[in-house]
PDB file of all heavy atoms in Angstrom:
ATOM      1  N   CYS A   1     251.689  24.509 139.799  1.00  0.00           N
ATOM      2  CA  CYS A   1     252.535  23.719 138.818  1.00  0.00           C
ATOM      3  C   CYS A   1     251.536  22.816 138.016  1.00  0.00           C
ATOM      4  O   CYS A   1     250.357  22.757 138.320  1.00  0.00           O
ATOM      5  CB  CYS A   1     253.548  22.826 139.523  1.00  0.00           C
ATOM      6  SG  CYS A   1     252.784  21.423 140.404  1.00  0.00           S
ATOM      7  N   LYS A   2     252.008  22.225 136.995  1.00  0.00           N
ATOM      8  CA  LYS A   2     251.306  21.339 136.176  1.00  0.00           C
ATOM      9  C   LYS A   2     251.973  20.067 135.959  1.00  0.00           C
ATOM     10  O   LYS A   2     253.166  20.014 135.888  1.00  0.00           O
ATOM     11  CB  LYS A   2     250.955  21.921 134.762  1.00  0.00           C
ATOM     12  CG  LYS A   2     250.224  23.321 134.854  1.00  0.00           C
ATOM     13  CD  LYS A   2     249.866  23.858 133.445  1.00  0.00           C
ATOM     14  CE  LYS A   2     249.288  25.308 133.569  1.00  0.00           C
ATOM     15  NZ  LYS A   2     248.014  25.300 134.292  1.00  0.00           N
ATOM     16  N   VAL A   3     251.199  19.003 135.918  1.00  0.00           N
ATOM     17  CA  VAL A   3     251.808  17.639 135.748  1.00  0.00           C
ATOM     18  C   VAL A   3     251.123  16.906 134.485  1.00  0.00           C
ATOM     19  O   VAL A   3     249.851  17.111 134.299  1.00  0.00           O
ATOM     20  CB  VAL A   3     251.821  16.688 137.015  1.00  0.00           C
ATOM     21  CG1 VAL A   3     252.497  17.401 138.153  1.00  0.00           C
ATOM     22  CG2 VAL A   3     250.281  16.468 137.355  1.00  0.00           C
ATOM     23  N   ILE A   4     251.887  16.236 133.761  1.00  0.00           N
ATOM     24  CA  ILE A   4     251.398  15.666 132.438  1.00  0.00           C
ATOM     25  C   ILE A   4     251.822  14.184 132.441  1.00  0.00           C
ATOM     26  O   ILE A   4     253.017  13.958 132.439  1.00  0.00           O
ATOM     27  CB  ILE A   4     251.860  16.384 131.239  1.00  0.00           C
ATOM     28  CG1 ILE A   4     251.352  17.834 131.313  1.00  0.00           C
ATOM     29  CG2 ILE A   4     251.424  15.654 130.033  1.00  0.00           C
ATOM     30  CD1 ILE A   4     251.930  18.731 130.115  1.00  0.00           C
ATOM     31  N   PHE A   5     250.874  13.257 132.420  1.00  0.00           N
ATOM     32  CA  PHE A   5     251.102  11.877 132.287  1.00  0.00           C
ATOM     33  C   PHE A   5     251.058  11.480 130.782  1.00  0.00           C
ATOM     34  O   PHE A   5     250.033  11.902 130.148  1.00  0.00           O
ATOM     35  CB  PHE A   5     250.071  11.013 133.080  1.00  0.00           C
ATOM     36  CG  PHE A   5     250.228  11.044 134.576  1.00  0.00           C
ATOM     37  CD1 PHE A   5     249.453  12.005 135.290  1.00  0.00           C
ATOM     38  CD2 PHE A   5     251.087  10.223 135.202  1.00  0.00           C
ATOM     39  CE1 PHE A   5     249.615  12.077 136.693  1.00  0.00           C
ATOM     40  CE2 PHE A   5     251.260  10.313 136.606  1.00  0.00           C
ATOM     41  CZ  PHE A   5     250.493  11.185 137.404  1.00  0.00           C
ATOM     42  N   LEU A   6     252.054  10.708 130.360  1.00  0.00           N
ATOM     43  CA  LEU A   6     251.946  10.283 128.904  1.00  0.00           C
ATOM     44  C   LEU A   6     251.884   8.846 128.806  1.00  0.00           C
ATOM     45  O   LEU A   6     252.222   8.312 127.696  1.00  0.00           O
ATOM     46  CB  LEU A   6     253.260  10.764 128.202  1.00  0.00           C
ATOM     47  CG  LEU A   6     253.381  12.319 128.112  1.00  0.00           C
ATOM     48  CD1 LEU A   6     254.729  12.668 127.428  1.00  0.00           C
ATOM     49  CD2 LEU A   6     252.238  12.973 127.213  1.00  0.00           C
ATOM     50  N   PHE A   7     251.438   8.076 129.801  1.00  0.00           N
ATOM     51  CA  PHE A   7     251.289   6.652 129.614  1.00  0.00           C
ATOM     52  C   PHE A   7     250.404   6.219 128.629  1.00  0.00           C
ATOM     53  O   PHE A   7     250.480   5.168 127.897  1.00  0.00           O
ATOM     54  CB  PHE A   7     250.992   5.957 130.988  1.00  0.00           C
ATOM     55  CG  PHE A   7     249.651   6.372 131.584  1.00  0.00           C
ATOM     56  CD1 PHE A   7     248.519   5.601 131.179  1.00  0.00           C
ATOM     57  CD2 PHE A   7     249.417   7.438 132.496  1.00  0.00           C
ATOM     58  CE1 PHE A   7     247.246   5.883 131.783  1.00  0.00           C
ATOM     59  CE2 PHE A   7     248.256   7.730 133.048  1.00  0.00           C
ATOM     60  CZ  PHE A   7     247.205   6.968 132.655  1.00  0.00           C
ATOM     61  N   LYS A   8     249.246   6.971 128.349  1.00  0.00           N
ATOM     62  CA  LYS A   8     248.309   6.606 127.336  1.00  0.00           C
ATOM     63  C   LYS A   8     248.932   6.769 125.938  1.00  0.00           C
ATOM     64  O   LYS A   8     248.750   5.854 125.132  1.00  0.00           O
ATOM     65  CB  LYS A   8     247.082   7.536 127.379  1.00  0.00           C
ATOM     66  CG  LYS A   8     246.251   7.307 128.662  1.00  0.00           C
ATOM     67  CD  LYS A   8     245.002   8.280 128.671  1.00  0.00           C
ATOM     68  CE  LYS A   8     244.039   8.033 129.776  1.00  0.00           C
ATOM     69  NZ  LYS A   8     242.917   9.035 129.796  1.00  0.00           N
ATOM     70  N   PHE A   9     249.704   7.809 125.792  1.00  0.00           N
ATOM     71  CA  PHE A   9     250.389   7.901 124.440  1.00  0.00           C
ATOM     72  C   PHE A   9     251.467   6.852 124.389  1.00  0.00           C
ATOM     73  O   PHE A   9     251.518   6.265 123.277  1.00  0.00           O
ATOM     74  CB  PHE A   9     251.135   9.300 124.451  1.00  0.00           C
ATOM     75  CG  PHE A   9     252.201   9.326 123.473  1.00  0.00           C
ATOM     76  CD1 PHE A   9     252.067   9.410 122.174  1.00  0.00           C
ATOM     77  CD2 PHE A   9     253.545   9.460 123.973  1.00  0.00           C
ATOM     78  CE1 PHE A   9     253.107   9.511 121.274  1.00  0.00           C
ATOM     79  CE2 PHE A   9     254.638   9.505 123.091  1.00  0.00           C
ATOM     80  CZ  PHE A   9     254.522   9.655 121.717  1.00  0.00           C
ATOM     81  N   LEU A  10     252.168   6.454 125.355  1.00  0.00           N
ATOM     82  CA  LEU A  10     253.079   5.357 125.282  1.00  0.00           C
ATOM     83  C   LEU A  10     252.469   4.052 124.911  1.00  0.00           C
ATOM     84  O   LEU A  10     252.901   3.294 124.132  1.00  0.00           O
ATOM     85  CB  LEU A  10     253.872   5.240 126.644  1.00  0.00           C
ATOM     86  CG  LEU A  10     254.946   4.154 126.647  1.00  0.00           C
ATOM     87  CD1 LEU A  10     256.026   4.329 125.645  1.00  0.00           C
ATOM     88  CD2 LEU A  10     255.470   4.120 128.091  1.00  0.00           C
ATOM     89  N   GLU A  11     251.334   3.795 125.643  1.00  0.00           N
ATOM     90  CA  GLU A  11     250.659   2.585 125.311  1.00  0.00           C
ATOM     91  C   GLU A  11     250.212   2.459 123.837  1.00  0.00           C
ATOM     92  O   GLU A  11     250.118   1.409 123.197  1.00  0.00           O
ATOM     93  CB  GLU A  11     249.400   2.352 126.261  1.00  0.00           C
ATOM     94  CG  GLU A  11     249.859   2.142 127.664  1.00  0.00           C
ATOM     95  CD  GLU A  11     248.710   1.998 128.649  1.00  0.00           C
ATOM     96  OE1 GLU A  11     247.514   2.527 128.292  1.00  0.00           O
ATOM     97  OE2 GLU A  11     248.868   1.383 129.645  1.00  0.00           O
ATOM     98  N   ASP A  12     249.698   3.625 123.316  1.00  0.00           N
ATOM     99  CA  ASP A  12     249.287   3.664 121.981  1.00  0.00           C
ATOM    100  C   ASP A  12     250.414   3.416 120.987  1.00  0.00           C
ATOM    101  O   ASP A  12     250.385   2.728 119.924  1.00  0.00           O
ATOM    102  CB  ASP A  12     248.637   5.011 121.682  1.00  0.00           C
ATOM    103  CG  ASP A  12     247.982   5.088 120.296  1.00  0.00           C
ATOM    104  OD1 ASP A  12     247.101   4.255 119.993  1.00  0.00           O
ATOM    105  OD2 ASP A  12     248.432   5.860 119.385  1.00  0.00           O
ATOM    106  N   GLU A  13     251.622   3.927 121.267  1.00  0.00           N
ATOM    107  CA  GLU A  13     252.793   3.783 120.447  1.00  0.00           C
ATOM    108  C   GLU A  13     253.399   2.399 120.346  1.00  0.00           C
ATOM    109  O   GLU A  13     253.806   1.890 119.394  1.00  0.00           O
ATOM    110  CB  GLU A  13     253.900   4.743 120.991  1.00  0.00           C
ATOM    111  CG  GLU A  13     253.764   6.116 120.696  1.00  0.00           C
ATOM    112  CD  GLU A  13     253.947   6.515 119.181  1.00  0.00           C
ATOM    113  OE1 GLU A  13     254.919   5.990 118.685  1.00  0.00           O
ATOM    114  OE2 GLU A  13     253.138   7.197 118.577  1.00  0.00           O
ATOM    115  N   ILE A  14     253.245   1.662 121.550  1.00  0.00           N
ATOM    116  CA  ILE A  14     253.758   0.329 121.578  1.00  0.00           C
ATOM    117  C   ILE A  14     252.758  -0.776 121.479  1.00  0.00           C
ATOM    118  O   ILE A  14     253.166  -1.950 121.576  1.00  0.00           O
ATOM    119  CB  ILE A  14     254.719   0.118 122.740  1.00  0.00           C
ATOM    120  CG1 ILE A  14     253.830   0.092 124.015  1.00  0.00           C
ATOM    121  CG2 ILE A  14     255.835   1.141 122.846  1.00  0.00           C
ATOM    122  CD1 ILE A  14     254.765  -0.065 125.394  1.00  0.00           C
ATOM    123  N   LYS A  15     251.487  -0.355 121.438  1.00  0.00           N
ATOM    124  CA  LYS A  15     250.328  -1.278 121.296  1.00  0.00           C
ATOM    125  C   LYS A  15     250.210  -2.361 122.243  1.00  0.00           C
ATOM    126  O   LYS A  15     249.829  -3.512 122.014  1.00  0.00           O
ATOM    127  CB  LYS A  15     250.454  -2.007 119.883  1.00  0.00           C
ATOM    128  CG  LYS A  15     250.742  -1.134 118.700  1.00  0.00           C
ATOM    129  CD  LYS A  15     249.682  -0.024 118.531  1.00  0.00           C
ATOM    130  CE  LYS A  15     249.877   0.860 117.281  1.00  0.00           C
ATOM    131  NZ  LYS A  15     248.916   2.048 117.230  1.00  0.00           N
ATOM    132  N   LYS A  16     250.481  -1.916 123.555  1.00  0.00           N
ATOM    133  CA  LYS A  16     250.186  -2.756 124.736  1.00  0.00           C
ATOM    134  C   LYS A  16     250.230  -1.968 126.013  1.00  0.00           C
ATOM    135  O   LYS A  16     250.794  -0.840 126.078  1.00  0.00           O
ATOM    136  CB  LYS A  16     251.414  -3.824 124.845  1.00  0.00           C
ATOM    137  CG  LYS A  16     252.720  -3.344 125.091  1.00  0.00           C
ATOM    138  CD  LYS A  16     253.713  -4.506 125.101  1.00  0.00           C
ATOM    139  CE  LYS A  16     255.149  -4.052 125.267  1.00  0.00           C
ATOM    140  NZ  LYS A  16     256.069  -5.095 125.408  1.00  0.00           N
ATOM    141  N   PRO A  17     249.554  -2.435 127.073  1.00  0.00           N
ATOM    142  CA  PRO A  17     249.351  -1.711 128.336  1.00  0.00           C
ATOM    143  C   PRO A  17     250.796  -1.613 128.899  1.00  0.00           C
ATOM    144  O   PRO A  17     251.606  -2.515 128.878  1.00  0.00           O
ATOM    145  CB  PRO A  17     248.400  -2.505 129.089  1.00  0.00           C
ATOM    146  CG  PRO A  17     248.433  -3.855 128.615  1.00  0.00           C
ATOM    147  CD  PRO A  17     248.808  -3.683 127.125  1.00  0.00           C
ATOM    148  N   VAL A  18     251.018  -0.503 129.534  1.00  0.00           N
ATOM    149  CA  VAL A  18     252.307  -0.311 130.289  1.00  0.00           C
ATOM    150  C   VAL A  18     252.014  -0.167 131.873  1.00  0.00           C
ATOM    151  O   VAL A  18     252.871  -0.155 132.755  1.00  0.00           O
ATOM    152  CB  VAL A  18     253.106   0.861 129.863  1.00  0.00           C
ATOM    153  CG1 VAL A  18     253.560   0.553 128.469  1.00  0.00           C
ATOM    154  CG2 VAL A  18     252.408   2.213 130.014  1.00  0.00           C
ATOM    155  N   THR A  19     250.652   0.086 132.219  1.00  0.00           N
ATOM    156  CA  THR A  19     250.354   0.167 133.603  1.00  0.00           C
ATOM    157  C   THR A  19     249.182  -0.661 133.912  1.00  0.00           C
ATOM    158  O   THR A  19     248.353  -1.030 133.007  1.00  0.00           O
ATOM    159  CB  THR A  19     250.008   1.683 133.908  1.00  0.00           C
ATOM    160  OG1 THR A  19     248.890   2.106 133.063  1.00  0.00           O
ATOM    161  CG2 THR A  19     251.188   2.666 133.595  1.00  0.00           C
ATOM    162  N   HIS A  20     248.948  -0.883 135.206  1.00  0.00           N
ATOM    163  CA  HIS A  20     247.783  -1.753 135.648  1.00  0.00           C
ATOM    164  C   HIS A  20     246.604  -0.836 135.606  1.00  0.00           C
ATOM    165  O   HIS A  20     246.625   0.371 135.710  1.00  0.00           O
ATOM    166  CB  HIS A  20     248.095  -2.113 137.109  1.00  0.00           C
ATOM    167  CG  HIS A  20     247.195  -3.201 137.566  1.00  0.00           C
ATOM    168  ND1 HIS A  20     245.889  -2.958 137.887  1.00  0.00           N
ATOM    169  CD2 HIS A  20     247.436  -4.588 137.893  1.00  0.00           C
ATOM    170  CE1 HIS A  20     245.310  -4.132 138.289  1.00  0.00           C
ATOM    171  NE2 HIS A  20     246.252  -5.115 138.311  1.00  0.00           N
ATOM    172  N   LEU A  21     245.461  -1.421 135.349  1.00  0.00           N
ATOM    173  CA  LEU A  21     244.183  -0.767 135.271  1.00  0.00           C
ATOM    174  C   LEU A  21     243.892   0.086 136.547  1.00  0.00           C
ATOM    175  O   LEU A  21     243.411   1.290 136.512  1.00  0.00           O
ATOM    176  CB  LEU A  21     242.975  -1.703 135.086  1.00  0.00           C
ATOM    177  CG  LEU A  21     241.603  -1.089 135.013  1.00  0.00           C
ATOM    178  CD1 LEU A  21     241.459  -0.129 133.815  1.00  0.00           C
ATOM    179  CD2 LEU A  21     240.569  -2.163 134.908  1.00  0.00           C
ATOM    180  N   ILE A  22     244.343  -0.399 137.741  1.00  0.00           N
ATOM    181  CA  ILE A  22     244.034   0.408 138.853  1.00  0.00           C
ATOM    182  C   ILE A  22     244.939   1.619 138.988  1.00  0.00           C
ATOM    183  O   ILE A  22     244.643   2.601 139.622  1.00  0.00           O
ATOM    184  CB  ILE A  22     244.198  -0.469 140.135  1.00  0.00           C
ATOM    185  CG1 ILE A  22     243.532   0.118 141.388  1.00  0.00           C
ATOM    186  CG2 ILE A  22     245.670  -0.848 140.442  1.00  0.00           C
ATOM    187  CD1 ILE A  22     243.222  -0.779 142.485  1.00  0.00           C
ATOM    188  N   PHE A  23     246.156   1.568 138.348  1.00  0.00           N
ATOM    189  CA  PHE A  23     246.911   2.750 138.272  1.00  0.00           C
ATOM    190  C   PHE A  23     246.187   3.898 137.574  1.00  0.00           C
ATOM    191  O   PHE A  23     246.267   5.038 137.937  1.00  0.00           O
ATOM    192  CB  PHE A  23     248.307   2.539 137.529  1.00  0.00           C
ATOM    193  CG  PHE A  23     249.059   3.753 137.293  1.00  0.00           C
ATOM    194  CD1 PHE A  23     249.797   4.325 138.249  1.00  0.00           C
ATOM    195  CD2 PHE A  23     249.078   4.361 135.987  1.00  0.00           C
ATOM    196  CE1 PHE A  23     250.547   5.434 138.006  1.00  0.00           C
ATOM    197  CE2 PHE A  23     249.751   5.548 135.821  1.00  0.00           C
ATOM    198  CZ  PHE A  23     250.550   6.135 136.741  1.00  0.00           C
ATOM    199  N   LYS A  24     245.466   3.491 136.566  1.00  0.00           N
ATOM    200  CA  LYS A  24     244.681   4.557 135.825  1.00  0.00           C
ATOM    201  C   LYS A  24     243.582   5.084 136.741  1.00  0.00           C
ATOM    202  O   LYS A  24     243.219   6.274 136.685  1.00  0.00           O
ATOM    203  CB  LYS A  24     243.983   3.940 134.520  1.00  0.00           C
ATOM    204  CG  LYS A  24     245.065   3.417 133.484  1.00  0.00           C
ATOM    205  CD  LYS A  24     244.473   2.799 132.341  1.00  0.00           C
ATOM    206  CE  LYS A  24     245.448   2.524 131.275  1.00  0.00           C
ATOM    207  NZ  LYS A  24     246.594   1.459 131.618  1.00  0.00           N
ATOM    208  N   GLN A  25     242.977   4.333 137.576  1.00  0.00           N
ATOM    209  CA  GLN A  25     242.061   4.682 138.661  1.00  0.00           C
ATOM    210  C   GLN A  25     242.793   5.827 139.550  1.00  0.00           C
ATOM    211  O   GLN A  25     242.229   6.742 139.995  1.00  0.00           O
ATOM    212  CB  GLN A  25     241.521   3.614 139.366  1.00  0.00           C
ATOM    213  CG  GLN A  25     240.605   2.601 138.607  1.00  0.00           C
ATOM    214  CD  GLN A  25     240.151   1.447 139.407  1.00  0.00           C
ATOM    215  OE1 GLN A  25     240.167   1.406 140.595  1.00  0.00           O
ATOM    216  NE2 GLN A  25     239.922   0.276 138.678  1.00  0.00           N
ATOM    217  N   LEU A  26     243.964   5.481 139.909  1.00  0.00           N
ATOM    218  CA  LEU A  26     244.790   6.416 140.750  1.00  0.00           C
ATOM    219  C   LEU A  26     244.980   7.794 140.113  1.00  0.00           C
ATOM    220  O   LEU A  26     244.774   8.853 140.786  1.00  0.00           O
ATOM    221  CB  LEU A  26     246.222   5.717 141.136  1.00  0.00           C
ATOM    222  CG  LEU A  26     247.222   6.652 141.845  1.00  0.00           C
ATOM    223  CD1 LEU A  26     246.701   7.113 143.123  1.00  0.00           C
ATOM    224  CD2 LEU A  26     248.475   5.920 141.901  1.00  0.00           C
ATOM    225  N   VAL A  27     245.372   7.644 138.850  1.00  0.00           N
ATOM    226  CA  VAL A  27     245.555   8.976 138.095  1.00  0.00           C
ATOM    227  C   VAL A  27     244.249   9.677 137.972  1.00  0.00           C
ATOM    228  O   VAL A  27     244.197  10.997 138.102  1.00  0.00           O
ATOM    229  CB  VAL A  27     246.157   8.663 136.710  1.00  0.00           C
ATOM    230  CG1 VAL A  27     246.200   9.885 135.884  1.00  0.00           C
ATOM    231  CG2 VAL A  27     247.562   8.104 136.842  1.00  0.00           C
ATOM    232  N   ASN A  28     243.102   9.019 137.753  1.00  0.00           N
ATOM    233  CA  ASN A  28     241.812   9.670 137.656  1.00  0.00           C
ATOM    234  C   ASN A  28     241.396  10.316 138.968  1.00  0.00           C
ATOM    235  O   ASN A  28     240.916  11.425 138.998  1.00  0.00           O
ATOM    236  CB  ASN A  28     240.840   8.736 137.246  1.00  0.00           C
ATOM    237  CG  ASN A  28     240.815   8.331 135.730  1.00  0.00           C
ATOM    238  OD1 ASN A  28     241.467   9.077 134.920  1.00  0.00           O
ATOM    239  ND2 ASN A  28     240.369   7.139 135.386  1.00  0.00           N
TER     240      ASN A  28
END
């Protein structure tokens, strides 16, 4: 299967972070 996170797109759209920095580490 494939999974797609769009939090980066969402943050760019609303011009503010929506997740904690460490969440991005988790995704990486």
